[in-house]
């Protein structure tokens, strides 16, 4: 894990460059998981701009039916994205992310993290 974390930025940059070649939903999901990891790595060193890039890329590569087929990953990515966009002061993007979570959340409890983020914006 630590070795991958050291190179996560390079790995995600390469995946972004090859985005058009990532067509399999299983591969797209795996890249989204890496993006979530990249968000956490970037946040751990207060690199919120790159965390936002990883969040956007992770959301972009999620499969079309992500809220149905990859609910937990989708919820985690959107929650993390809302938090990092709040950190850079992009309140419009925070609101968009919050709205998406509120639309697709399966329970009130699943909305608590994004609601807390929204209160701070």
PDB file of N, CA and C in Angstrom:
ATOM      1  N   UNK A   1       0.812  -1.204   0.000  1.00  0.00           N
ATOM      2  CA  UNK A   1       0.000   0.000   0.000  1.00  0.00           C
ATOM      3  C   UNK A   1       0.852   1.263   0.000  1.00  0.00           C
ATOM      4  N   UNK A   2       1.870   1.309   0.838  1.00  0.00           N
ATOM      5  CA  UNK A   2       2.673   2.521   0.935  1.00  0.00           C
ATOM      6  C   UNK A   2       3.369   2.851  -0.379  1.00  0.00           C
ATOM      7  N   UNK A   3       3.827   1.830  -1.098  1.00  0.00           N
ATOM      8  CA  UNK A   3       4.498   2.054  -2.382  1.00  0.00           C
ATOM      9  C   UNK A   3       3.532   2.661  -3.398  1.00  0.00           C
ATOM     10  N   UNK A   4       2.316   2.139  -3.446  1.00  0.00           N
ATOM     11  CA  UNK A   4       1.314   2.694  -4.351  1.00  0.00           C
ATOM     12  C   UNK A   4       0.975   4.126  -3.956  1.00  0.00           C
ATOM     13  N   UNK A   5       0.835   4.383  -2.665  1.00  0.00           N
ATOM     14  CA  UNK A   5       0.501   5.731  -2.208  1.00  0.00           C
ATOM     15  C   UNK A   5       1.557   6.747  -2.645  1.00  0.00           C
ATOM     16  N   UNK A   6       2.824   6.340  -2.666  1.00  0.00           N
ATOM     17  CA  UNK A   6       3.905   7.242  -3.088  1.00  0.00           C
ATOM     18  C   UNK A   6       3.755   7.642  -4.550  1.00  0.00           C
ATOM     19  N   UNK A   7       3.178   6.750  -5.342  1.00  0.00           N
ATOM     20  CA  UNK A   7       3.108   6.973  -6.786  1.00  0.00           C
ATOM     21  C   UNK A   7       1.680   7.177  -7.300  1.00  0.00           C
ATOM     22  N   UNK A   8       0.744   7.389  -6.390  1.00  0.00           N
ATOM     23  CA  UNK A   8      -0.668   7.462  -6.791  1.00  0.00           C
ATOM     24  C   UNK A   8      -0.919   8.590  -7.791  1.00  0.00           C
ATOM     25  N   UNK A   9      -0.227   9.715  -7.631  1.00  0.00           N
ATOM     26  CA  UNK A   9      -0.412  10.841  -8.547  1.00  0.00           C
ATOM     27  C   UNK A   9      -0.008  10.447  -9.964  1.00  0.00           C
ATOM     28  N   UNK A  10       1.125   9.800 -10.098  1.00  0.00           N
ATOM     29  CA  UNK A  10       1.601   9.356 -11.417  1.00  0.00           C
ATOM     30  C   UNK A  10       0.656   8.327 -12.012  1.00  0.00           C
ATOM     31  N   UNK A  11       0.226   7.380 -11.196  1.00  0.00           N
ATOM     32  CA  UNK A  11      -0.686   6.333 -11.655  1.00  0.00           C
ATOM     33  C   UNK A  11      -1.986   6.952 -12.176  1.00  0.00           C
ATOM     34  N   UNK A  12      -2.560   7.867 -11.412  1.00  0.00           N
ATOM     35  CA  UNK A  12      -3.827   8.481 -11.830  1.00  0.00           C
ATOM     36  C   UNK A  12      -3.660   9.377 -13.047  1.00  0.00           C
ATOM     37  N   UNK A  13      -2.509  10.036 -13.169  1.00  0.00           N
ATOM     38  CA  UNK A  13      -2.239  10.838 -14.361  1.00  0.00           C
ATOM     39  C   UNK A  13      -2.222   9.946 -15.601  1.00  0.00           C
ATOM     40  N   UNK A  14      -1.592   8.795 -15.500  1.00  0.00           N
ATOM     41  CA  UNK A  14      -1.552   7.866 -16.629  1.00  0.00           C
ATOM     42  C   UNK A  14      -2.952   7.358 -16.977  1.00  0.00           C
ATOM     43  N   UNK A  15      -3.732   7.048 -15.967  1.00  0.00           N
ATOM     44  CA  UNK A  15      -5.104   6.604 -16.231  1.00  0.00           C
ATOM     45  C   UNK A  15      -5.926   7.711 -16.884  1.00  0.00           C
ATOM     46  N   UNK A  16      -5.732   8.964 -16.451  1.00  0.00           N
ATOM     47  CA  UNK A  16      -6.459  10.083 -17.073  1.00  0.00           C
ATOM     48  C   UNK A  16      -6.092  10.206 -18.548  1.00  0.00           C
ATOM     49  N   UNK A  17      -4.825  10.031 -18.843  1.00  0.00           N
ATOM     50  CA  UNK A  17      -4.382  10.121 -20.247  1.00  0.00           C
ATOM     51  C   UNK A  17      -4.980   9.006 -21.089  1.00  0.00           C
ATOM     52  N   UNK A  18      -5.203   7.855 -20.482  1.00  0.00           N
ATOM     53  CA  UNK A  18      -5.748   6.724 -21.218  1.00  0.00           C
ATOM     54  C   UNK A  18      -7.223   6.492 -20.987  1.00  0.00           C
ATOM     55  N   UNK A  19      -7.922   7.531 -20.569  1.00  0.00           N
ATOM     56  CA  UNK A  19      -9.338   7.401 -20.202  1.00  0.00           C
ATOM     57  C   UNK A  19     -10.180   6.740 -21.295  1.00  0.00           C
ATOM     58  N   UNK A  20      -9.951   7.113 -22.527  1.00  0.00           N
ATOM     59  CA  UNK A  20     -10.763   6.573 -23.620  1.00  0.00           C
ATOM     60  C   UNK A  20     -10.602   5.067 -23.777  1.00  0.00           C
ATOM     61  N   UNK A  21      -9.494   4.531 -23.294  1.00  0.00           N
ATOM     62  CA  UNK A  21      -9.241   3.094 -23.406  1.00  0.00           C
ATOM     63  C   UNK A  21      -9.803   2.297 -22.229  1.00  0.00           C
ATOM     64  N   UNK A  22     -10.320   2.989 -21.225  1.00  0.00           N
ATOM     65  CA  UNK A  22     -10.889   2.302 -20.055  1.00  0.00           C
ATOM     66  C   UNK A  22     -12.389   2.159 -20.301  1.00  0.00           C
ATOM     67  N   UNK A  23     -12.767   1.070 -20.924  1.00  0.00           N
ATOM     68  CA  UNK A  23     -14.161   0.883 -21.315  1.00  0.00           C
ATOM     69  C   UNK A  23     -14.876  -0.173 -20.475  1.00  0.00           C
ATOM     70  N   UNK A  24     -14.144  -1.112 -19.922  1.00  0.00           N
ATOM     71  CA  UNK A  24     -14.748  -2.164 -19.116  1.00  0.00           C
ATOM     72  C   UNK A  24     -15.201  -1.595 -17.772  1.00  0.00           C
ATOM     73  N   UNK A  25     -16.436  -1.902 -17.373  1.00  0.00           N
ATOM     74  CA  UNK A  25     -16.969  -1.338 -16.125  1.00  0.00           C
ATOM     75  C   UNK A  25     -16.179  -1.775 -14.897  1.00  0.00           C
ATOM     76  N   UNK A  26     -15.652  -2.990 -14.913  1.00  0.00           N
ATOM     77  CA  UNK A  26     -14.841  -3.458 -13.785  1.00  0.00           C
ATOM     78  C   UNK A  26     -13.562  -2.637 -13.679  1.00  0.00           C
ATOM     79  N   UNK A  27     -12.947  -2.352 -14.814  1.00  0.00           N
ATOM     80  CA  UNK A  27     -11.748  -1.515 -14.825  1.00  0.00           C
ATOM     81  C   UNK A  27     -12.070  -0.096 -14.375  1.00  0.00           C
ATOM     82  N   UNK A  28     -13.184   0.440 -14.851  1.00  0.00           N
ATOM     83  CA  UNK A  28     -13.585   1.792 -14.464  1.00  0.00           C
ATOM     84  C   UNK A  28     -13.808   1.873 -12.950  1.00  0.00           C
ATOM     85  N   UNK A  29     -14.423   0.860 -12.411  1.00  0.00           N
ATOM     86  CA  UNK A  29     -14.651   0.818 -10.964  1.00  0.00           C
ATOM     87  C   UNK A  29     -13.326   0.769 -10.219  1.00  0.00           C
ATOM     88  N   UNK A  30     -12.386  -0.033 -10.703  1.00  0.00           N
ATOM     89  CA  UNK A  30     -11.072  -0.128 -10.057  1.00  0.00           C
ATOM     90  C   UNK A  30     -10.346   1.217 -10.088  1.00  0.00           C
ATOM     91  N   UNK A  31     -10.463   1.934 -11.198  1.00  0.00           N
ATOM     92  CA  UNK A  31      -9.835   3.256 -11.290  1.00  0.00           C
ATOM     93  C   UNK A  31     -10.519   4.228 -10.323  1.00  0.00           C
ATOM     94  N   UNK A  32     -11.827   4.144 -10.197  1.00  0.00           N
ATOM     95  CA  UNK A  32     -12.551   5.006  -9.247  1.00  0.00           C
ATOM     96  C   UNK A  32     -12.090   4.734  -7.821  1.00  0.00           C
ATOM     97  N   UNK A  33     -11.844   3.472  -7.496  1.00  0.00           N
ATOM     98  CA  UNK A  33     -11.328   3.114  -6.161  1.00  0.00           C
ATOM     99  C   UNK A  33      -9.949   3.749  -5.965  1.00  0.00           C
ATOM    100  N   UNK A  34      -9.106   3.693  -6.980  1.00  0.00           N
ATOM    101  CA  UNK A  34      -7.788   4.335  -6.893  1.00  0.00           C
ATOM    102  C   UNK A  34      -7.920   5.843  -6.713  1.00  0.00           C
ATOM    103  N   UNK A  35      -8.895   6.434  -7.378  1.00  0.00           N
ATOM    104  CA  UNK A  35      -9.124   7.876  -7.227  1.00  0.00           C
ATOM    105  C   UNK A  35      -9.498   8.218  -5.792  1.00  0.00           C
ATOM    106  N   UNK A  36     -10.344   7.402  -5.190  1.00  0.00           N
ATOM    107  CA  UNK A  36     -10.725   7.634  -3.797  1.00  0.00           C
ATOM    108  C   UNK A  36      -9.484   7.565  -2.904  1.00  0.00           C
ATOM    109  N   UNK A  37      -8.641   6.606  -3.180  1.00  0.00           N
ATOM    110  CA  UNK A  37      -7.392   6.486  -2.431  1.00  0.00           C
ATOM    111  C   UNK A  37      -6.512   7.713  -2.667  1.00  0.00           C
ATOM    112  N   UNK A  38      -6.470   8.173  -3.919  1.00  0.00           N
ATOM    113  CA  UNK A  38      -5.699   9.371  -4.238  1.00  0.00           C
ATOM    114  C   UNK A  38      -6.204  10.598  -3.500  1.00  0.00           C
ATOM    115  N   UNK A  39      -7.515  10.702  -3.364  1.00  0.00           N
ATOM    116  CA  UNK A  39      -8.103  11.814  -2.602  1.00  0.00           C
ATOM    117  C   UNK A  39      -7.570  11.789  -1.180  1.00  0.00           C
ATOM    118  N   UNK A  40      -7.634  10.619  -0.550  1.00  0.00           N
ATOM    119  CA  UNK A  40      -7.182  10.506   0.841  1.00  0.00           C
ATOM    120  C   UNK A  40      -5.688  10.815   0.980  1.00  0.00           C
ATOM    121  N   UNK A  41      -4.882  10.353   0.025  1.00  0.00           N
ATOM    122  CA  UNK A  41      -3.440  10.640   0.053  1.00  0.00           C
ATOM    123  C   UNK A  41      -3.183  12.138  -0.093  1.00  0.00           C
ATOM    124  N   UNK A  42      -3.881  12.775  -1.039  1.00  0.00           N
ATOM    125  CA  UNK A  42      -3.688  14.209  -1.264  1.00  0.00           C
ATOM    126  C   UNK A  42      -4.133  15.018  -0.044  1.00  0.00           C
ATOM    127  N   UNK A  43      -5.258  14.651   0.535  1.00  0.00           N
ATOM    128  CA  UNK A  43      -5.749  15.364   1.719  1.00  0.00           C
ATOM    129  C   UNK A  43      -4.767  15.230   2.880  1.00  0.00           C
ATOM    130  N   UNK A  44      -4.144  14.068   2.988  1.00  0.00           N
ATOM    131  CA  UNK A  44      -3.222  13.833   4.109  1.00  0.00           C
ATOM    132  C   UNK A  44      -2.023  14.772   4.078  1.00  0.00           C
ATOM    133  N   UNK A  45      -1.722  15.364   2.917  1.00  0.00           N
ATOM    134  CA  UNK A  45      -0.645  16.342   2.817  1.00  0.00           C
ATOM    135  C   UNK A  45      -1.187  17.731   2.446  1.00  0.00           C
ATOM    136  N   UNK A  46      -2.483  17.932   2.669  1.00  0.00           N
ATOM    137  CA  UNK A  46      -3.163  19.209   2.421  1.00  0.00           C
ATOM    138  C   UNK A  46      -3.071  19.678   0.973  1.00  0.00           C
ATOM    139  N   UNK A  47      -3.053  18.730   0.045  1.00  0.00           N
ATOM    140  CA  UNK A  47      -3.014  19.046  -1.388  1.00  0.00           C
ATOM    141  C   UNK A  47      -4.445  18.959  -1.928  1.00  0.00           C
ATOM    142  N   UNK A  48      -5.250  19.961  -1.601  1.00  0.00           N
ATOM    143  CA  UNK A  48      -6.673  19.918  -1.906  1.00  0.00           C
ATOM    144  C   UNK A  48      -6.968  20.084  -3.398  1.00  0.00           C
ATOM    145  N   UNK A  49      -6.138  20.783  -4.113  1.00  0.00           N
ATOM    146  CA  UNK A  49      -6.359  20.938  -5.559  1.00  0.00           C
ATOM    147  C   UNK A  49      -6.243  19.588  -6.270  1.00  0.00           C
ATOM    148  N   UNK A  50      -5.202  18.831  -5.964  1.00  0.00           N
ATOM    149  CA  UNK A  50      -5.087  17.503  -6.572  1.00  0.00           C
ATOM    150  C   UNK A  50      -6.181  16.573  -6.062  1.00  0.00           C
ATOM    151  N   UNK A  51      -6.564  16.715  -4.814  1.00  0.00           N
ATOM    152  CA  UNK A  51      -7.665  15.905  -4.286  1.00  0.00           C
ATOM    153  C   UNK A  51      -8.933  16.160  -5.105  1.00  0.00           C
ATOM    154  N   UNK A  52      -9.160  17.413  -5.481  1.00  0.00           N
ATOM    155  CA  UNK A  52     -10.322  17.749  -6.318  1.00  0.00           C
ATOM    156  C   UNK A  52     -10.209  17.117  -7.698  1.00  0.00           C
ATOM    157  N   UNK A  53      -9.008  17.127  -8.263  1.00  0.00           N
ATOM    158  CA  UNK A  53      -8.803  16.491  -9.571  1.00  0.00           C
ATOM    159  C   UNK A  53      -9.107  14.996  -9.490  1.00  0.00           C
ATOM    160  N   UNK A  54      -8.631  14.356  -8.436  1.00  0.00           N
ATOM    161  CA  UNK A  54      -8.874  12.920  -8.273  1.00  0.00           C
ATOM    162  C   UNK A  54     -10.362  12.648  -8.060  1.00  0.00           C
ATOM    163  N   UNK A  55     -11.019  13.528  -7.329  1.00  0.00           N
ATOM    164  CA  UNK A  55     -12.458  13.364  -7.086  1.00  0.00           C
ATOM    165  C   UNK A  55     -13.236  13.461  -8.396  1.00  0.00           C
ATOM    166  N   UNK A  56     -12.930  14.473  -9.187  1.00  0.00           N
ATOM    167  CA  UNK A  56     -13.630  14.641 -10.464  1.00  0.00           C
ATOM    168  C   UNK A  56     -13.370  13.461 -11.400  1.00  0.00           C
ATOM    169  N   UNK A  57     -12.128  13.005 -11.434  1.00  0.00           N
ATOM    170  CA  UNK A  57     -11.796  11.876 -12.291  1.00  0.00           C
ATOM    171  C   UNK A  57     -12.492  10.606 -11.798  1.00  0.00           C
ATOM    172  N   UNK A  58     -12.504  10.413 -10.500  1.00  0.00           N
ATOM    173  CA  UNK A  58     -13.181   9.241  -9.938  1.00  0.00           C
ATOM    174  C   UNK A  58     -14.661   9.230 -10.274  1.00  0.00           C
ATOM    175  N   UNK A  59     -15.299  10.376 -10.167  1.00  0.00           N
ATOM    176  CA  UNK A  59     -16.722  10.482 -10.506  1.00  0.00           C
ATOM    177  C   UNK A  59     -16.925  10.250 -11.997  1.00  0.00           C
ATOM    178  N   UNK A  60     -16.029  10.787 -12.801  1.00  0.00           N
ATOM    179  CA  UNK A  60     -16.122  10.629 -14.254  1.00  0.00           C
ATOM    180  C   UNK A  60     -16.032   9.162 -14.686  1.00  0.00           C
ATOM    181  N   UNK A  61     -15.174   8.392 -14.044  1.00  0.00           N
ATOM    182  CA  UNK A  61     -14.985   7.004 -14.479  1.00  0.00           C
ATOM    183  C   UNK A  61     -15.978   6.029 -13.862  1.00  0.00           C
ATOM    184  N   UNK A  62     -16.775   6.491 -12.917  1.00  0.00           N
ATOM    185  CA  UNK A  62     -17.780   5.587 -12.352  1.00  0.00           C
ATOM    186  C   UNK A  62     -18.677   5.048 -13.469  1.00  0.00           C
ATOM    187  N   UNK A  63     -19.052   3.788 -13.374  1.00  0.00           N
ATOM    188  CA  UNK A  63     -19.967   3.230 -14.380  1.00  0.00           C
ATOM    189  C   UNK A  63     -21.289   3.993 -14.408  1.00  0.00           C
ATOM    190  N   UNK A  64     -21.998   3.895 -15.523  1.00  0.00           N
ATOM    191  CA  UNK A  64     -23.250   4.631 -15.718  1.00  0.00           C
ATOM    192  C   UNK A  64     -24.272   4.392 -14.607  1.00  0.00           C
ATOM    193  N   UNK A  65     -24.427   3.165 -14.191  1.00  0.00           N
ATOM    194  CA  UNK A  65     -25.390   2.837 -13.133  1.00  0.00           C
ATOM    195  C   UNK A  65     -24.719   2.764 -11.769  1.00  0.00           C
ATOM    196  N   UNK A  66     -23.791   3.667 -11.517  1.00  0.00           N
ATOM    197  CA  UNK A  66     -22.970   3.585 -10.309  1.00  0.00           C
ATOM    198  C   UNK A  66     -23.785   3.609  -9.023  1.00  0.00           C
ATOM    199  N   UNK A  67     -24.851   4.375  -8.986  1.00  0.00           N
ATOM    200  CA  UNK A  67     -25.625   4.465  -7.750  1.00  0.00           C
ATOM    201  C   UNK A  67     -26.420   3.184  -7.497  1.00  0.00           C
ATOM    202  N   UNK A  68     -26.595   2.397  -8.520  1.00  0.00           N
ATOM    203  CA  UNK A  68     -27.268   1.112  -8.371  1.00  0.00           C
ATOM    204  C   UNK A  68     -26.255  -0.006  -8.135  1.00  0.00           C
ATOM    205  N   UNK A  69     -25.208  -0.028  -8.969  1.00  0.00           N
ATOM    206  CA  UNK A  69     -24.262  -1.141  -8.955  1.00  0.00           C
ATOM    207  C   UNK A  69     -23.063  -0.944  -8.031  1.00  0.00           C
ATOM    208  N   UNK A  70     -22.683   0.286  -7.787  1.00  0.00           N
ATOM    209  CA  UNK A  70     -21.513   0.603  -6.942  1.00  0.00           C
ATOM    210  C   UNK A  70     -21.901   1.685  -5.929  1.00  0.00           C
ATOM    211  N   UNK A  71     -22.947   1.408  -5.189  1.00  0.00           N
ATOM    212  CA  UNK A  71     -23.519   2.410  -4.295  1.00  0.00           C
ATOM    213  C   UNK A  71     -22.507   2.916  -3.263  1.00  0.00           C
ATOM    214  N   UNK A  72     -21.859   2.012  -2.561  1.00  0.00           N
ATOM    215  CA  UNK A  72     -20.946   2.410  -1.483  1.00  0.00           C
ATOM    216  C   UNK A  72     -19.784   3.232  -2.024  1.00  0.00           C
ATOM    217  N   UNK A  73     -19.222   2.805  -3.141  1.00  0.00           N
ATOM    218  CA  UNK A  73     -18.127   3.554  -3.759  1.00  0.00           C
ATOM    219  C   UNK A  73     -18.609   4.927  -4.217  1.00  0.00           C
ATOM    220  N   UNK A  74     -19.773   4.971  -4.841  1.00  0.00           N
ATOM    221  CA  UNK A  74     -20.317   6.250  -5.311  1.00  0.00           C
ATOM    222  C   UNK A  74     -20.536   7.204  -4.146  1.00  0.00           C
ATOM    223  N   UNK A  75     -21.138   6.712  -3.084  1.00  0.00           N
ATOM    224  CA  UNK A  75     -21.385   7.536  -1.901  1.00  0.00           C
ATOM    225  C   UNK A  75     -20.071   8.039  -1.311  1.00  0.00           C
ATOM    226  N   UNK A  76     -19.090   7.169  -1.210  1.00  0.00           N
ATOM    227  CA  UNK A  76     -17.785   7.562  -0.662  1.00  0.00           C
ATOM    228  C   UNK A  76     -17.103   8.612  -1.527  1.00  0.00           C
ATOM    229  N   UNK A  77     -17.130   8.421  -2.837  1.00  0.00           N
ATOM    230  CA  UNK A  77     -16.500   9.386  -3.740  1.00  0.00           C
ATOM    231  C   UNK A  77     -17.189  10.746  -3.681  1.00  0.00           C
ATOM    232  N   UNK A  78     -18.502  10.745  -3.719  1.00  0.00           N
ATOM    233  CA  UNK A  78     -19.231  12.013  -3.685  1.00  0.00           C
ATOM    234  C   UNK A  78     -19.057  12.732  -2.344  1.00  0.00           C
ATOM    235  N   UNK A  79     -19.063  11.982  -1.258  1.00  0.00           N
ATOM    236  CA  UNK A  79     -18.825  12.598   0.053  1.00  0.00           C
ATOM    237  C   UNK A  79     -17.430  13.209   0.125  1.00  0.00           C
ATOM    238  N   UNK A  80     -16.428  12.450  -0.322  1.00  0.00           N
ATOM    239  CA  UNK A  80     -15.053  12.957  -0.307  1.00  0.00           C
ATOM    240  C   UNK A  80     -14.917  14.166  -1.226  1.00  0.00           C
ATOM    241  N   UNK A  81     -15.544  14.088  -2.386  1.00  0.00           N
ATOM    242  CA  UNK A  81     -15.482  15.210  -3.334  1.00  0.00           C
ATOM    243  C   UNK A  81     -16.075  16.474  -2.720  1.00  0.00           C
ATOM    244  N   UNK A  82     -17.229  16.342  -2.088  1.00  0.00           N
ATOM    245  CA  UNK A  82     -17.857  17.519  -1.466  1.00  0.00           C
ATOM    246  C   UNK A  82     -16.928  18.140  -0.428  1.00  0.00           C
ATOM    247  N   UNK A  83     -16.271  17.311   0.349  1.00  0.00           N
ATOM    248  CA  UNK A  83     -15.372  17.830   1.384  1.00  0.00           C
ATOM    249  C   UNK A  83     -14.176  18.562   0.784  1.00  0.00           C
ATOM    250  N   UNK A  84     -13.565  17.996  -0.260  1.00  0.00           N
ATOM    251  CA  UNK A  84     -12.372  18.656  -0.799  1.00  0.00           C
ATOM    252  C   UNK A  84     -12.728  19.907  -1.594  1.00  0.00           C
ATOM    253  N   UNK A  85     -13.881  19.920  -2.242  1.00  0.00           N
ATOM    254  CA  UNK A  85     -14.292  21.143  -2.933  1.00  0.00           C
ATOM    255  C   UNK A  85     -14.647  22.240  -1.925  1.00  0.00           C
ATOM    256  N   UNK A  86     -15.146  21.852  -0.775  1.00  0.00           N
ATOM    257  CA  UNK A  86     -15.367  22.824   0.298  1.00  0.00           C
ATOM    258  C   UNK A  86     -14.031  23.433   0.727  1.00  0.00           C
ATOM    259  N   UNK A  87     -12.999  22.607   0.815  1.00  0.00           N
ATOM    260  CA  UNK A  87     -11.679  23.080   1.247  1.00  0.00           C
ATOM    261  C   UNK A  87     -11.085  24.122   0.311  1.00  0.00           C
ATOM    262  N   UNK A  88     -11.429  24.061  -0.982  1.00  0.00           N
ATOM    263  CA  UNK A  88     -10.903  25.074  -1.902  1.00  0.00           C
ATOM    264  C   UNK A  88     -11.911  26.198  -2.148  1.00  0.00           C
ATOM    265  N   UNK A  89     -13.058  26.121  -1.483  1.00  0.00           N
ATOM    266  CA  UNK A  89     -14.036  27.204  -1.580  1.00  0.00           C
ATOM    267  C   UNK A  89     -14.904  27.175  -2.818  1.00  0.00           C
ATOM    268  N   UNK A  90     -15.025  26.030  -3.464  1.00  0.00           N
ATOM    269  CA  UNK A  90     -15.881  25.915  -4.648  1.00  0.00           C
ATOM    270  C   UNK A  90     -17.281  25.479  -4.204  1.00  0.00           C
ATOM    271  N   UNK A  91     -18.039  26.447  -3.694  1.00  0.00           N
ATOM    272  CA  UNK A  91     -19.336  26.157  -3.085  1.00  0.00           C
ATOM    273  C   UNK A  91     -20.383  25.706  -4.102  1.00  0.00           C
ATOM    274  N   UNK A  92     -20.264  26.175  -5.329  1.00  0.00           N
ATOM    275  CA  UNK A  92     -21.180  25.722  -6.375  1.00  0.00           C
ATOM    276  C   UNK A  92     -21.029  24.231  -6.622  1.00  0.00           C
ATOM    277  N   UNK A  93     -19.791  23.777  -6.708  1.00  0.00           N
ATOM    278  CA  UNK A  93     -19.544  22.342  -6.916  1.00  0.00           C
ATOM    279  C   UNK A  93     -19.986  21.549  -5.702  1.00  0.00           C
ATOM    280  N   UNK A  94     -19.755  22.075  -4.501  1.00  0.00           N
ATOM    281  CA  UNK A  94     -20.220  21.401  -3.283  1.00  0.00           C
ATOM    282  C   UNK A  94     -21.727  21.198  -3.362  1.00  0.00           C
ATOM    283  N   UNK A  95     -22.455  22.247  -3.730  1.00  0.00           N
ATOM    284  CA  UNK A  95     -23.912  22.144  -3.820  1.00  0.00           C
ATOM    285  C   UNK A  95     -24.354  21.094  -4.830  1.00  0.00           C
ATOM    286  N   UNK A  96     -23.671  21.030  -5.974  1.00  0.00           N
ATOM    287  CA  UNK A  96     -23.998  20.017  -6.989  1.00  0.00           C
ATOM    288  C   UNK A  96     -23.788  18.606  -6.441  1.00  0.00           C
ATOM    289  N   UNK A  97     -22.678  18.407  -5.762  1.00  0.00           N
ATOM    290  CA  UNK A  97     -22.368  17.091  -5.199  1.00  0.00           C
ATOM    291  C   UNK A  97     -23.363  16.711  -4.112  1.00  0.00           C
ATOM    292  N   UNK A  98     -23.700  17.666  -3.262  1.00  0.00           N
ATOM    293  CA  UNK A  98     -24.693  17.430  -2.211  1.00  0.00           C
ATOM    294  C   UNK A  98     -26.029  17.031  -2.838  1.00  0.00           C
ATOM    295  N   UNK A  99     -26.450  17.777  -3.844  1.00  0.00           N
ATOM    296  CA  UNK A  99     -27.727  17.470  -4.507  1.00  0.00           C
ATOM    297  C   UNK A  99     -27.740  16.055  -5.070  1.00  0.00           C
ATOM    298  N   UNK A 100     -26.632  15.623  -5.648  1.00  0.00           N
ATOM    299  CA  UNK A 100     -26.561  14.277  -6.213  1.00  0.00           C
ATOM    300  C   UNK A 100     -26.685  13.224  -5.122  1.00  0.00           C
ATOM    301  N   UNK A 101     -25.977  13.414  -4.029  1.00  0.00           N
ATOM    302  CA  UNK A 101     -26.069  12.445  -2.918  1.00  0.00           C
ATOM    303  C   UNK A 101     -27.490  12.410  -2.369  1.00  0.00           C
ATOM    304  N   UNK A 102     -28.089  13.569  -2.178  1.00  0.00           N
ATOM    305  CA  UNK A 102     -29.451  13.603  -1.645  1.00  0.00           C
ATOM    306  C   UNK A 102     -30.439  12.922  -2.591  1.00  0.00           C
ATOM    307  N   UNK A 103     -30.190  12.997  -3.879  1.00  0.00           N
ATOM    308  CA  UNK A 103     -31.062  12.375  -4.872  1.00  0.00           C
ATOM    309  C   UNK A 103     -30.946  10.848  -4.850  1.00  0.00           C
ATOM    310  N   UNK A 104     -29.744  10.324  -4.650  1.00  0.00           N
ATOM    311  CA  UNK A 104     -29.524   8.884  -4.795  1.00  0.00           C
ATOM    312  C   UNK A 104     -29.357   8.119  -3.482  1.00  0.00           C
ATOM    313  N   UNK A 105     -29.222   8.814  -2.378  1.00  0.00           N
ATOM    314  CA  UNK A 105     -28.995   8.134  -1.093  1.00  0.00           C
ATOM    315  C   UNK A 105     -30.153   7.196  -0.773  1.00  0.00           C
ATOM    316  N   UNK A 106     -29.812   6.049  -0.236  1.00  0.00           N
ATOM    317  CA  UNK A 106     -30.810   5.031   0.088  1.00  0.00           C
ATOM    318  C   UNK A 106     -31.422   5.228   1.469  1.00  0.00           C
ATOM    319  N   UNK A 107     -30.777   6.028   2.287  1.00  0.00           N
ATOM    320  CA  UNK A 107     -31.312   6.259   3.627  1.00  0.00           C
ATOM    321  C   UNK A 107     -30.899   7.652   4.092  1.00  0.00           C
ATOM    322  N   UNK A 108     -31.605   8.138   5.086  1.00  0.00           N
ATOM    323  CA  UNK A 108     -31.248   9.435   5.665  1.00  0.00           C
ATOM    324  C   UNK A 108     -29.837   9.376   6.241  1.00  0.00           C
ATOM    325  N   UNK A 109     -29.520   8.267   6.882  1.00  0.00           N
ATOM    326  CA  UNK A 109     -28.187   8.110   7.489  1.00  0.00           C
ATOM    327  C   UNK A 109     -27.082   8.259   6.434  1.00  0.00           C
ATOM    328  N   UNK A 110     -27.332   7.782   5.227  1.00  0.00           N
ATOM    329  CA  UNK A 110     -26.342   7.898   4.160  1.00  0.00           C
ATOM    330  C   UNK A 110     -26.124   9.342   3.719  1.00  0.00           C
ATOM    331  N   UNK A 111     -26.999  10.244   4.105  1.00  0.00           N
ATOM    332  CA  UNK A 111     -26.856  11.649   3.719  1.00  0.00           C
ATOM    333  C   UNK A 111     -26.177  12.497   4.798  1.00  0.00           C
ATOM    334  N   UNK A 112     -25.928  11.929   5.956  1.00  0.00           N
ATOM    335  CA  UNK A 112     -25.434  12.736   7.075  1.00  0.00           C
ATOM    336  C   UNK A 112     -24.089  13.390   6.807  1.00  0.00           C
ATOM    337  N   UNK A 113     -23.151  12.648   6.226  1.00  0.00           N
ATOM    338  CA  UNK A 113     -21.828  13.224   5.979  1.00  0.00           C
ATOM    339  C   UNK A 113     -21.911  14.399   5.015  1.00  0.00           C
ATOM    340  N   UNK A 114     -22.655  14.230   3.928  1.00  0.00           N
ATOM    341  CA  UNK A 114     -22.732  15.307   2.944  1.00  0.00           C
ATOM    342  C   UNK A 114     -23.563  16.477   3.481  1.00  0.00           C
ATOM    343  N   UNK A 115     -24.528  16.192   4.308  1.00  0.00           N
ATOM    344  CA  UNK A 115     -25.291  17.287   4.950  1.00  0.00           C
ATOM    345  C   UNK A 115     -24.396  18.105   5.864  1.00  0.00           C
ATOM    346  N   UNK A 116     -23.522  17.429   6.610  1.00  0.00           N
ATOM    347  CA  UNK A 116     -22.576  18.153   7.487  1.00  0.00           C
ATOM    348  C   UNK A 116     -21.643  19.016   6.653  1.00  0.00           C
ATOM    349  N   UNK A 117     -21.160  18.497   5.543  1.00  0.00           N
ATOM    350  CA  UNK A 117     -20.310  19.269   4.646  1.00  0.00           C
ATOM    351  C   UNK A 117     -21.065  20.485   4.120  1.00  0.00           C
ATOM    352  N   UNK A 118     -22.318  20.283   3.752  1.00  0.00           N
ATOM    353  CA  UNK A 118     -23.130  21.359   3.199  1.00  0.00           C
ATOM    354  C   UNK A 118     -23.349  22.473   4.224  1.00  0.00           C
ATOM    355  N   UNK A 119     -23.515  22.110   5.465  1.00  0.00           N
ATOM    356  CA  UNK A 119     -23.712  23.109   6.526  1.00  0.00           C
ATOM    357  C   UNK A 119     -22.489  24.022   6.612  1.00  0.00           C
ATOM    358  N   UNK A 120     -21.303  23.456   6.416  1.00  0.00           N
ATOM    359  CA  UNK A 120     -20.068  24.242   6.503  1.00  0.00           C
ATOM    360  C   UNK A 120     -19.839  25.119   5.284  1.00  0.00           C
ATOM    361  N   UNK A 121     -20.589  24.845   4.218  1.00  0.00           N
ATOM    362  CA  UNK A 121     -20.408  25.673   3.019  1.00  0.00           C
ATOM    363  C   UNK A 121     -21.355  26.860   3.108  1.00  0.00           C
TER     364      UNK A 121
END
